[in-house]
Amino acid sequence: MRNQLRTHTRKIRYGDIAAERALESLVPGRTTVEAVERGCSLMLRGFVLTQLEMARSYWGEDFAVFLTGGDATLVSEIVPDARLVPDLVFVGLAMACPLS
């Protein structure tokens, strides 16, 4: 979503350094970059927390959480027991489609 806003919205333009700086805090933004970056980060965190609540309602505490993808590190602090697996898709492909 952040990428779409940054690249396909005419008046929302800022660099990667500004984006990183905006995420140093999660208080409501006062600039466009702060509002977009923090809003997207908080939305992602809210989604993850909701998924954890749903998992607990189904399985109690008997489940494992794997974080993967480009934004996994943004939510890793709110799911401290999660396993961070950067290449999970490739691990699955290697299991499903072995070369030999």
PDB file of N, CA and C in Angstrom:
ATOM      1  N   MET A   1       0.825  -1.181   0.000  1.00  0.00           N
ATOM      2  CA  MET A   1       0.000   0.000   0.000  1.00  0.00           C
ATOM      3  C   MET A   1       0.874   1.250   0.000  1.00  0.00           C
ATOM      4  N   ARG A   2       1.893   1.236   0.873  1.00  0.00           N
ATOM      5  CA  ARG A   2       2.787   2.403   0.908  1.00  0.00           C
ATOM      6  C   ARG A   2       3.392   2.644  -0.462  1.00  0.00           C
ATOM      7  N   ASN A   3       3.866   1.585  -1.082  1.00  0.00           N
ATOM      8  CA  ASN A   3       4.497   1.722  -2.388  1.00  0.00           C
ATOM      9  C   ASN A   3       3.518   2.275  -3.419  1.00  0.00           C
ATOM     10  N   GLN A   4       2.294   1.802  -3.400  1.00  0.00           N
ATOM     11  CA  GLN A   4       1.289   2.308  -4.334  1.00  0.00           C
ATOM     12  C   GLN A   4       1.028   3.795  -4.115  1.00  0.00           C
ATOM     13  N   LEU A   5       0.911   4.195  -2.864  1.00  0.00           N
ATOM     14  CA  LEU A   5       0.703   5.614  -2.574  1.00  0.00           C
ATOM     15  C   LEU A   5       1.895   6.449  -3.026  1.00  0.00           C
ATOM     16  N   ARG A   6       3.089   5.947  -2.775  1.00  0.00           N
ATOM     17  CA  ARG A   6       4.292   6.708  -3.116  1.00  0.00           C
ATOM     18  C   ARG A   6       4.528   6.793  -4.611  1.00  0.00           C
ATOM     19  N   THR A   7       4.140   5.792  -5.367  1.00  0.00           N
ATOM     20  CA  THR A   7       4.469   5.783  -6.793  1.00  0.00           C
ATOM     21  C   THR A   7       3.299   6.112  -7.711  1.00  0.00           C
ATOM     22  N   HIS A   8       2.082   6.013  -7.217  1.00  0.00           N
ATOM     23  CA  HIS A   8       0.933   6.233  -8.092  1.00  0.00           C
ATOM     24  C   HIS A   8       0.023   7.370  -7.647  1.00  0.00           C
ATOM     25  N   THR A   9       0.471   8.141  -6.697  1.00  0.00           N
ATOM     26  CA  THR A   9      -0.304   9.301  -6.264  1.00  0.00           C
ATOM     27  C   THR A   9       0.562  10.524  -6.503  1.00  0.00           C
ATOM     28  N   ARG A  10       0.089  11.428  -7.314  1.00  0.00           N
ATOM     29  CA  ARG A  10       0.898  12.543  -7.783  1.00  0.00           C
ATOM     30  C   ARG A  10       1.496  13.393  -6.668  1.00  0.00           C
ATOM     31  N   LYS A  11       0.748  13.669  -5.626  1.00  0.00           N
ATOM     32  CA  LYS A  11       1.229  14.605  -4.615  1.00  0.00           C
ATOM     33  C   LYS A  11       1.871  13.934  -3.405  1.00  0.00           C
ATOM     34  N   ILE A  12       2.025  12.634  -3.442  1.00  0.00           N
ATOM     35  CA  ILE A  12       2.690  11.939  -2.336  1.00  0.00           C
ATOM     36  C   ILE A  12       4.037  11.449  -2.852  1.00  0.00           C
ATOM     37  N   ARG A  13       5.057  12.235  -2.594  1.00  0.00           N
ATOM     38  CA  ARG A  13       6.407  11.886  -3.034  1.00  0.00           C
ATOM     39  C   ARG A  13       7.378  12.131  -1.885  1.00  0.00           C
ATOM     40  N   TYR A  14       8.124  11.102  -1.544  1.00  0.00           N
ATOM     41  CA  TYR A  14       9.174  11.237  -0.542  1.00  0.00           C
ATOM     42  C   TYR A  14      10.128  10.064  -0.695  1.00  0.00           C
ATOM     43  N   GLY A  15      11.322  10.221  -0.174  1.00  0.00           N
ATOM     44  CA  GLY A  15      12.362   9.212  -0.336  1.00  0.00           C
ATOM     45  C   GLY A  15      12.378   8.172   0.766  1.00  0.00           C
ATOM     46  N   ASP A  16      13.222   7.180   0.568  1.00  0.00           N
ATOM     47  CA  ASP A  16      13.340   6.082   1.528  1.00  0.00           C
ATOM     48  C   ASP A  16      13.866   6.543   2.883  1.00  0.00           C
ATOM     49  N   ILE A  17      14.788   7.492   2.875  1.00  0.00           N
ATOM     50  CA  ILE A  17      15.342   7.980   4.141  1.00  0.00           C
ATOM     51  C   ILE A  17      14.258   8.672   4.956  1.00  0.00           C
ATOM     52  N   ALA A  18      13.430   9.479   4.292  1.00  0.00           N
ATOM     53  CA  ALA A  18      12.321  10.144   4.991  1.00  0.00           C
ATOM     54  C   ALA A  18      11.344   9.115   5.538  1.00  0.00           C
ATOM     55  N   ALA A  19      11.117   8.047   4.782  1.00  0.00           N
ATOM     56  CA  ALA A  19      10.205   6.988   5.231  1.00  0.00           C
ATOM     57  C   ALA A  19      10.755   6.294   6.474  1.00  0.00           C
ATOM     58  N   GLU A  20      12.043   5.986   6.465  1.00  0.00           N
ATOM     59  CA  GLU A  20      12.658   5.348   7.636  1.00  0.00           C
ATOM     60  C   GLU A  20      12.594   6.262   8.851  1.00  0.00           C
ATOM     61  N   ARG A  21      12.868   7.534   8.634  1.00  0.00           N
ATOM     62  CA  ARG A  21      12.837   8.493   9.736  1.00  0.00           C
ATOM     63  C   ARG A  21      11.423   8.620  10.303  1.00  0.00           C
ATOM     64  N   ALA A  22      10.426   8.554   9.445  1.00  0.00           N
ATOM     65  CA  ALA A  22       9.033   8.684   9.892  1.00  0.00           C
ATOM     66  C   ALA A  22       8.627   7.547  10.819  1.00  0.00           C
ATOM     67  N   LEU A  23       9.255   6.383  10.667  1.00  0.00           N
ATOM     68  CA  LEU A  23       8.886   5.219  11.478  1.00  0.00           C
ATOM     69  C   LEU A  23       9.626   5.147  12.812  1.00  0.00           C
ATOM     70  N   GLU A  24      10.367   6.186  13.139  1.00  0.00           N
ATOM     71  CA  GLU A  24      11.035   6.220  14.441  1.00  0.00           C
ATOM     72  C   GLU A  24      10.037   6.383  15.577  1.00  0.00           C
ATOM     73  N   SER A  25       8.830   6.796  15.243  1.00  0.00           N
ATOM     74  CA  SER A  25       7.758   6.978  16.223  1.00  0.00           C
ATOM     75  C   SER A  25       6.455   6.541  15.570  1.00  0.00           C
ATOM     76  N   LEU A  26       5.466   6.220  16.384  1.00  0.00           N
ATOM     77  CA  LEU A  26       4.157   5.845  15.828  1.00  0.00           C
ATOM     78  C   LEU A  26       3.052   6.800  16.265  1.00  0.00           C
ATOM     79  N   VAL A  27       3.426   7.967  16.782  1.00  0.00           N
ATOM     80  CA  VAL A  27       2.403   8.959  17.123  1.00  0.00           C
ATOM     81  C   VAL A  27       1.799   9.481  15.824  1.00  0.00           C
ATOM     82  N   PRO A  28       0.577  10.017  15.866  1.00  0.00           N
ATOM     83  CA  PRO A  28      -0.035  10.513  14.628  1.00  0.00           C
ATOM     84  C   PRO A  28       0.894  11.468  13.871  1.00  0.00           C
ATOM     85  N   GLY A  29       0.956  11.292  12.569  1.00  0.00           N
ATOM     86  CA  GLY A  29       1.860  12.075  11.743  1.00  0.00           C
ATOM     87  C   GLY A  29       1.430  13.521  11.582  1.00  0.00           C
ATOM     88  N   ARG A  30       2.424  14.378  11.382  1.00  0.00           N
ATOM     89  CA  ARG A  30       2.167  15.798  11.154  1.00  0.00           C
ATOM     90  C   ARG A  30       2.545  16.200   9.735  1.00  0.00           C
ATOM     91  N   THR A  31       3.142  15.279   9.005  1.00  0.00           N
ATOM     92  CA  THR A  31       3.493  15.518   7.610  1.00  0.00           C
ATOM     93  C   THR A  31       2.941  14.361   6.786  1.00  0.00           C
ATOM     94  N   THR A  32       2.971  14.515   5.477  1.00  0.00           N
ATOM     95  CA  THR A  32       2.471  13.448   4.606  1.00  0.00           C
ATOM     96  C   THR A  32       3.248  12.152   4.812  1.00  0.00           C
ATOM     97  N   VAL A  33       4.571  12.251   4.805  1.00  0.00           N
ATOM     98  CA  VAL A  33       5.381  11.040   4.958  1.00  0.00           C
ATOM     99  C   VAL A  33       5.106  10.362   6.295  1.00  0.00           C
ATOM    100  N   GLU A  34       4.984  11.130   7.360  1.00  0.00           N
ATOM    101  CA  GLU A  34       4.684  10.540   8.668  1.00  0.00           C
ATOM    102  C   GLU A  34       3.308   9.892   8.676  1.00  0.00           C
ATOM    103  N   ALA A  35       2.324  10.574   8.108  1.00  0.00           N
ATOM    104  CA  ALA A  35       0.959  10.038   8.104  1.00  0.00           C
ATOM    105  C   ALA A  35       0.865   8.744   7.297  1.00  0.00           C
ATOM    106  N   VAL A  36       1.472   8.723   6.124  1.00  0.00           N
ATOM    107  CA  VAL A  36       1.405   7.529   5.275  1.00  0.00           C
ATOM    108  C   VAL A  36       2.170   6.372   5.913  1.00  0.00           C
ATOM    109  N   GLU A  37       3.411   6.603   6.279  1.00  0.00           N
ATOM    110  CA  GLU A  37       4.245   5.526   6.818  1.00  0.00           C
ATOM    111  C   GLU A  37       3.705   4.988   8.135  1.00  0.00           C
ATOM    112  N   ARG A  38       3.373   5.878   9.042  1.00  0.00           N
ATOM    113  CA  ARG A  38       2.871   5.440  10.345  1.00  0.00           C
ATOM    114  C   ARG A  38       1.487   4.822  10.225  1.00  0.00           C
ATOM    115  N   GLY A  39       0.644   5.387   9.377  1.00  0.00           N
ATOM    116  CA  GLY A  39      -0.696   4.828   9.184  1.00  0.00           C
ATOM    117  C   GLY A  39      -0.640   3.417   8.629  1.00  0.00           C
ATOM    118  N   CYS A  40       0.211   3.195   7.634  1.00  0.00           N
ATOM    119  CA  CYS A  40       0.348   1.853   7.057  1.00  0.00           C
ATOM    120  C   CYS A  40       0.948   0.880   8.065  1.00  0.00           C
ATOM    121  N   SER A  41       1.918   1.345   8.835  1.00  0.00           N
ATOM    122  CA  SER A  41       2.528   0.484   9.846  1.00  0.00           C
ATOM    123  C   SER A  41       1.512   0.093  10.913  1.00  0.00           C
ATOM    124  N   LEU A  42       0.742   1.057  11.378  1.00  0.00           N
ATOM    125  CA  LEU A  42      -0.269   0.765  12.399  1.00  0.00           C
ATOM    126  C   LEU A  42      -1.371  -0.138  11.856  1.00  0.00           C
ATOM    127  N   MET A  43      -1.721   0.042  10.585  1.00  0.00           N
ATOM    128  CA  MET A  43      -2.727  -0.820   9.966  1.00  0.00           C
ATOM    129  C   MET A  43      -2.223  -2.265   9.922  1.00  0.00           C
ATOM    130  N   LEU A  44      -0.968  -2.448   9.543  1.00  0.00           N
ATOM    131  CA  LEU A  44      -0.382  -3.786   9.494  1.00  0.00           C
ATOM    132  C   LEU A  44      -0.334  -4.412  10.881  1.00  0.00           C
ATOM    133  N   ARG A  45       0.072  -3.643  11.872  1.00  0.00           N
ATOM    134  CA  ARG A  45       0.117  -4.148  13.247  1.00  0.00           C
ATOM    135  C   ARG A  45      -1.281  -4.551  13.721  1.00  0.00           C
ATOM    136  N   GLY A  46      -2.269  -3.734  13.415  1.00  0.00           N
ATOM    137  CA  GLY A  46      -3.643  -4.058  13.792  1.00  0.00           C
ATOM    138  C   GLY A  46      -4.119  -5.343  13.140  1.00  0.00           C
ATOM    139  N   PHE A  47      -3.773  -5.530  11.868  1.00  0.00           N
ATOM    140  CA  PHE A  47      -4.139  -6.755  11.158  1.00  0.00           C
ATOM    141  C   PHE A  47      -3.511  -7.976  11.830  1.00  0.00           C
ATOM    142  N   VAL A  48      -2.227  -7.884  12.152  1.00  0.00           N
ATOM    143  CA  VAL A  48      -1.529  -9.010  12.782  1.00  0.00           C
ATOM    144  C   VAL A  48      -2.139  -9.325  14.139  1.00  0.00           C
ATOM    145  N   LEU A  49      -2.407  -8.304  14.935  1.00  0.00           N
ATOM    146  CA  LEU A  49      -3.006  -8.538  16.258  1.00  0.00           C
ATOM    147  C   LEU A  49      -4.386  -9.175  16.141  1.00  0.00           C
ATOM    148  N   THR A  50      -5.158  -8.775  15.142  1.00  0.00           N
ATOM    149  CA  THR A  50      -6.472  -9.380  14.917  1.00  0.00           C
ATOM    150  C   THR A  50      -6.326 -10.845  14.520  1.00  0.00           C
ATOM    151  N   GLN A  51      -5.356 -11.146  13.669  1.00  0.00           N
ATOM    152  CA  GLN A  51      -5.124 -12.536  13.273  1.00  0.00           C
ATOM    153  C   GLN A  51      -4.700 -13.387  14.467  1.00  0.00           C
ATOM    154  N   LEU A  52      -3.900 -12.811  15.364  1.00  0.00           N
ATOM    155  CA  LEU A  52      -3.506 -13.538  16.575  1.00  0.00           C
ATOM    156  C   LEU A  52      -4.715 -13.828  17.463  1.00  0.00           C
ATOM    157  N   GLU A  53      -5.608 -12.857  17.601  1.00  0.00           N
ATOM    158  CA  GLU A  53      -6.834 -13.078  18.386  1.00  0.00           C
ATOM    159  C   GLU A  53      -7.659 -14.203  17.787  1.00  0.00           C
ATOM    160  N   MET A  54      -7.797 -14.206  16.466  1.00  0.00           N
ATOM    161  CA  MET A  54      -8.564 -15.264  15.803  1.00  0.00           C
ATOM    162  C   MET A  54      -7.902 -16.624  16.008  1.00  0.00           C
ATOM    163  N   ALA A  55      -6.587 -16.679  15.874  1.00  0.00           N
ATOM    164  CA  ALA A  55      -5.873 -17.945  16.072  1.00  0.00           C
ATOM    165  C   ALA A  55      -6.079 -18.454  17.493  1.00  0.00           C
ATOM    166  N   ARG A  56      -6.009 -17.555  18.467  1.00  0.00           N
ATOM    167  CA  ARG A  56      -6.218 -17.969  19.864  1.00  0.00           C
ATOM    168  C   ARG A  56      -7.636 -18.479  20.085  1.00  0.00           C
ATOM    169  N   SER A  57      -8.610 -17.885  19.400  1.00  0.00           N
ATOM    170  CA  SER A  57      -9.990 -18.354  19.568  1.00  0.00           C
ATOM    171  C   SER A  57     -10.172 -19.752  18.974  1.00  0.00           C
ATOM    172  N   TYR A  58      -9.407 -20.095  17.946  1.00  0.00           N
ATOM    173  CA  TYR A  58      -9.480 -21.424  17.333  1.00  0.00           C
ATOM    174  C   TYR A  58      -8.650 -22.464  18.077  1.00  0.00           C
ATOM    175  N   TRP A  59      -7.422 -22.102  18.454  1.00  0.00           N
ATOM    176  CA  TRP A  59      -6.468 -23.088  18.944  1.00  0.00           C
ATOM    177  C   TRP A  59      -5.917 -22.805  20.337  1.00  0.00           C
ATOM    178  N   GLY A  60      -6.425 -21.822  21.029  1.00  0.00           N
ATOM    179  CA  GLY A  60      -5.842 -21.460  22.322  1.00  0.00           C
ATOM    180  C   GLY A  60      -4.460 -20.874  22.109  1.00  0.00           C
ATOM    181  N   GLU A  61      -3.479 -21.430  22.801  1.00  0.00           N
ATOM    182  CA  GLU A  61      -2.098 -20.957  22.612  1.00  0.00           C
ATOM    183  C   GLU A  61      -1.258 -21.965  21.826  1.00  0.00           C
ATOM    184  N   ASP A  62      -1.907 -22.992  21.273  1.00  0.00           N
ATOM    185  CA  ASP A  62      -1.196 -24.084  20.607  1.00  0.00           C
ATOM    186  C   ASP A  62      -1.059 -23.835  19.102  1.00  0.00           C
ATOM    187  N   PHE A  63      -0.291 -22.836  18.726  1.00  0.00           N
ATOM    188  CA  PHE A  63      -0.026 -22.561  17.321  1.00  0.00           C
ATOM    189  C   PHE A  63       1.308 -21.823  17.210  1.00  0.00           C
ATOM    190  N   ALA A  64       1.878 -21.889  16.030  1.00  0.00           N
ATOM    191  CA  ALA A  64       3.145 -21.201  15.764  1.00  0.00           C
ATOM    192  C   ALA A  64       2.888 -20.056  14.796  1.00  0.00           C
ATOM    193  N   VAL A  65       3.640 -19.002  14.952  1.00  0.00           N
ATOM    194  CA  VAL A  65       3.520 -17.838  14.074  1.00  0.00           C
ATOM    195  C   VAL A  65       4.826 -17.688  13.296  1.00  0.00           C
ATOM    196  N   PHE A  66       4.689 -17.570  11.989  1.00  0.00           N
ATOM    197  CA  PHE A  66       5.828 -17.330  11.114  1.00  0.00           C
ATOM    198  C   PHE A  66       5.626 -15.974  10.460  1.00  0.00           C
ATOM    199  N   LEU A  67       6.636 -15.146  10.491  1.00  0.00           N
ATOM    200  CA  LEU A  67       6.596 -13.847   9.828  1.00  0.00           C
ATOM    201  C   LEU A  67       7.526 -13.903   8.630  1.00  0.00           C
ATOM    202  N   THR A  68       7.045 -13.415   7.499  1.00  0.00           N
ATOM    203  CA  THR A  68       7.840 -13.438   6.284  1.00  0.00           C
ATOM    204  C   THR A  68       7.482 -12.220   5.447  1.00  0.00           C
ATOM    205  N   GLY A  69       8.272 -11.945   4.461  1.00  0.00           N
ATOM    206  CA  GLY A  69       7.987 -10.823   3.583  1.00  0.00           C
ATOM    207  C   GLY A  69       8.693  -9.546   4.005  1.00  0.00           C
ATOM    208  N   GLY A  70       8.574  -8.550   3.157  1.00  0.00           N
ATOM    209  CA  GLY A  70       9.292  -7.301   3.348  1.00  0.00           C
ATOM    210  C   GLY A  70       8.954  -6.528   4.598  1.00  0.00           C
ATOM    211  N   ASP A  71       7.743  -6.661   5.099  1.00  0.00           N
ATOM    212  CA  ASP A  71       7.336  -5.901   6.283  1.00  0.00           C
ATOM    213  C   ASP A  71       7.349  -6.728   7.564  1.00  0.00           C
ATOM    214  N   ALA A  72       7.885  -7.928   7.512  1.00  0.00           N
ATOM    215  CA  ALA A  72       7.881  -8.799   8.694  1.00  0.00           C
ATOM    216  C   ALA A  72       8.554  -8.141   9.887  1.00  0.00           C
ATOM    217  N   THR A  73       9.632  -7.430   9.639  1.00  0.00           N
ATOM    218  CA  THR A  73      10.341  -6.804  10.760  1.00  0.00           C
ATOM    219  C   THR A  73       9.527  -5.689  11.406  1.00  0.00           C
ATOM    220  N   LEU A  74       8.576  -5.118  10.668  1.00  0.00           N
ATOM    221  CA  LEU A  74       7.744  -4.052  11.235  1.00  0.00           C
ATOM    222  C   LEU A  74       6.813  -4.564  12.325  1.00  0.00           C
ATOM    223  N   VAL A  75       6.495  -5.850  12.297  1.00  0.00           N
ATOM    224  CA  VAL A  75       5.572  -6.400  13.295  1.00  0.00           C
ATOM    225  C   VAL A  75       6.237  -7.406  14.227  1.00  0.00           C
ATOM    226  N   SER A  76       7.506  -7.672  14.020  1.00  0.00           N
ATOM    227  CA  SER A  76       8.169  -8.696  14.839  1.00  0.00           C
ATOM    228  C   SER A  76       8.178  -8.346  16.321  1.00  0.00           C
ATOM    229  N   GLU A  77       8.219  -7.080  16.669  1.00  0.00           N
ATOM    230  CA  GLU A  77       8.246  -6.717  18.093  1.00  0.00           C
ATOM    231  C   GLU A  77       6.909  -6.941  18.789  1.00  0.00           C
ATOM    232  N   ILE A  78       5.805  -6.979  18.042  1.00  0.00           N
ATOM    233  CA  ILE A  78       4.512  -7.220  18.695  1.00  0.00           C
ATOM    234  C   ILE A  78       4.175  -8.707  18.752  1.00  0.00           C
ATOM    235  N   VAL A  79       4.994  -9.535  18.098  1.00  0.00           N
ATOM    236  CA  VAL A  79       4.835 -10.990  18.139  1.00  0.00           C
ATOM    237  C   VAL A  79       6.205 -11.588  18.487  1.00  0.00           C
ATOM    238  N   PRO A  80       6.648 -11.414  19.727  1.00  0.00           N
ATOM    239  CA  PRO A  80       8.020 -11.804  20.077  1.00  0.00           C
ATOM    240  C   PRO A  80       8.319 -13.296  19.933  1.00  0.00           C
ATOM    241  N   ASP A  81       7.319 -14.157  20.001  1.00  0.00           N
ATOM    242  CA  ASP A  81       7.554 -15.601  19.876  1.00  0.00           C
ATOM    243  C   ASP A  81       7.526 -16.084  18.430  1.00  0.00           C
ATOM    244  N   ALA A  82       7.281 -15.193  17.495  1.00  0.00           N
ATOM    245  CA  ALA A  82       7.184 -15.583  16.088  1.00  0.00           C
ATOM    246  C   ALA A  82       8.557 -15.912  15.521  1.00  0.00           C
ATOM    247  N   ARG A  83       8.546 -16.796  14.539  1.00  0.00           N
ATOM    248  CA  ARG A  83       9.774 -17.106  13.804  1.00  0.00           C
ATOM    249  C   ARG A  83       9.816 -16.244  12.560  1.00  0.00           C
ATOM    250  N   LEU A  84      10.907 -15.540  12.382  1.00  0.00           N
ATOM    251  CA  LEU A  84      11.112 -14.710  11.202  1.00  0.00           C
ATOM    252  C   LEU A  84      11.797 -15.561  10.137  1.00  0.00           C
ATOM    253  N   VAL A  85      11.089 -15.808   9.034  1.00  0.00           N
ATOM    254  CA  VAL A  85      11.610 -16.660   7.957  1.00  0.00           C
ATOM    255  C   VAL A  85      11.549 -15.852   6.663  1.00  0.00           C
ATOM    256  N   PRO A  86      12.644 -15.195   6.300  1.00  0.00           N
ATOM    257  CA  PRO A  86      12.627 -14.293   5.150  1.00  0.00           C
ATOM    258  C   PRO A  86      12.248 -14.967   3.831  1.00  0.00           C
ATOM    259  N   ASP A  87      12.651 -16.212   3.625  1.00  0.00           N
ATOM    260  CA  ASP A  87      12.431 -16.886   2.340  1.00  0.00           C
ATOM    261  C   ASP A  87      11.430 -18.026   2.447  1.00  0.00           C
ATOM    262  N   LEU A  88      10.364 -17.842   3.170  1.00  0.00           N
ATOM    263  CA  LEU A  88       9.407 -18.920   3.410  1.00  0.00           C
ATOM    264  C   LEU A  88       8.815 -19.467   2.113  1.00  0.00           C
ATOM    265  N   VAL A  89       8.518 -18.616   1.164  1.00  0.00           N
ATOM    266  CA  VAL A  89       7.955 -19.081  -0.108  1.00  0.00           C
ATOM    267  C   VAL A  89       8.948 -20.000  -0.813  1.00  0.00           C
ATOM    268  N   PHE A  90      10.211 -19.612  -0.814  1.00  0.00           N
ATOM    269  CA  PHE A  90      11.217 -20.444  -1.485  1.00  0.00           C
ATOM    270  C   PHE A  90      11.445 -21.759  -0.754  1.00  0.00           C
ATOM    271  N   VAL A  91      11.350 -21.748   0.552  1.00  0.00           N
ATOM    272  CA  VAL A  91      11.457 -22.990   1.325  1.00  0.00           C
ATOM    273  C   VAL A  91      10.321 -23.932   0.923  1.00  0.00           C
ATOM    274  N   GLY A  92       9.116 -23.400   0.838  1.00  0.00           N
ATOM    275  CA  GLY A  92       7.972 -24.210   0.431  1.00  0.00           C
ATOM    276  C   GLY A  92       8.103 -24.732  -0.985  1.00  0.00           C
ATOM    277  N   LEU A  93       8.572 -23.889  -1.890  1.00  0.00           N
ATOM    278  CA  LEU A  93       8.776 -24.330  -3.272  1.00  0.00           C
ATOM    279  C   LEU A  93       9.829 -25.428  -3.357  1.00  0.00           C
ATOM    280  N   ALA A  94      10.886 -25.299  -2.590  1.00  0.00           N
ATOM    281  CA  ALA A  94      11.935 -26.326  -2.599  1.00  0.00           C
ATOM    282  C   ALA A  94      11.395 -27.660  -2.103  1.00  0.00           C
ATOM    283  N   MET A  95      10.486 -27.615  -1.132  1.00  0.00           N
ATOM    284  CA  MET A  95       9.887 -28.852  -0.628  1.00  0.00           C
ATOM    285  C   MET A  95       8.906 -29.434  -1.639  1.00  0.00           C
ATOM    286  N   ALA A  96       8.131 -28.566  -2.278  1.00  0.00           N
ATOM    287  CA  ALA A  96       7.101 -29.033  -3.208  1.00  0.00           C
ATOM    288  C   ALA A  96       7.676 -29.446  -4.558  1.00  0.00           C
ATOM    289  N   CYS A  97       8.749 -28.809  -4.959  1.00  0.00           N
ATOM    290  CA  CYS A  97       9.319 -29.060  -6.289  1.00  0.00           C
ATOM    291  C   CYS A  97      10.822 -29.306  -6.194  1.00  0.00           C
ATOM    292  N   PRO A  98      11.232 -30.418  -5.601  1.00  0.00           N
ATOM    293  CA  PRO A  98      12.679 -30.674  -5.480  1.00  0.00           C
ATOM    294  C   PRO A  98      13.321 -30.851  -6.854  1.00  0.00           C
ATOM    295  N   LEU A  99      14.569 -30.441  -6.953  1.00  0.00           N
ATOM    296  CA  LEU A  99      15.285 -30.525  -8.230  1.00  0.00           C
ATOM    297  C   LEU A  99      15.694 -31.943  -8.579  1.00  0.00           C
ATOM    298  N   SER A 100      15.853 -32.801  -7.604  1.00  0.00           N
ATOM    299  CA  SER A 100      16.292 -34.168  -7.929  1.00  0.00           C
ATOM    300  C   SER A 100      15.203 -35.176  -7.691  1.00  0.00           C
TER     301      SER A 100
END
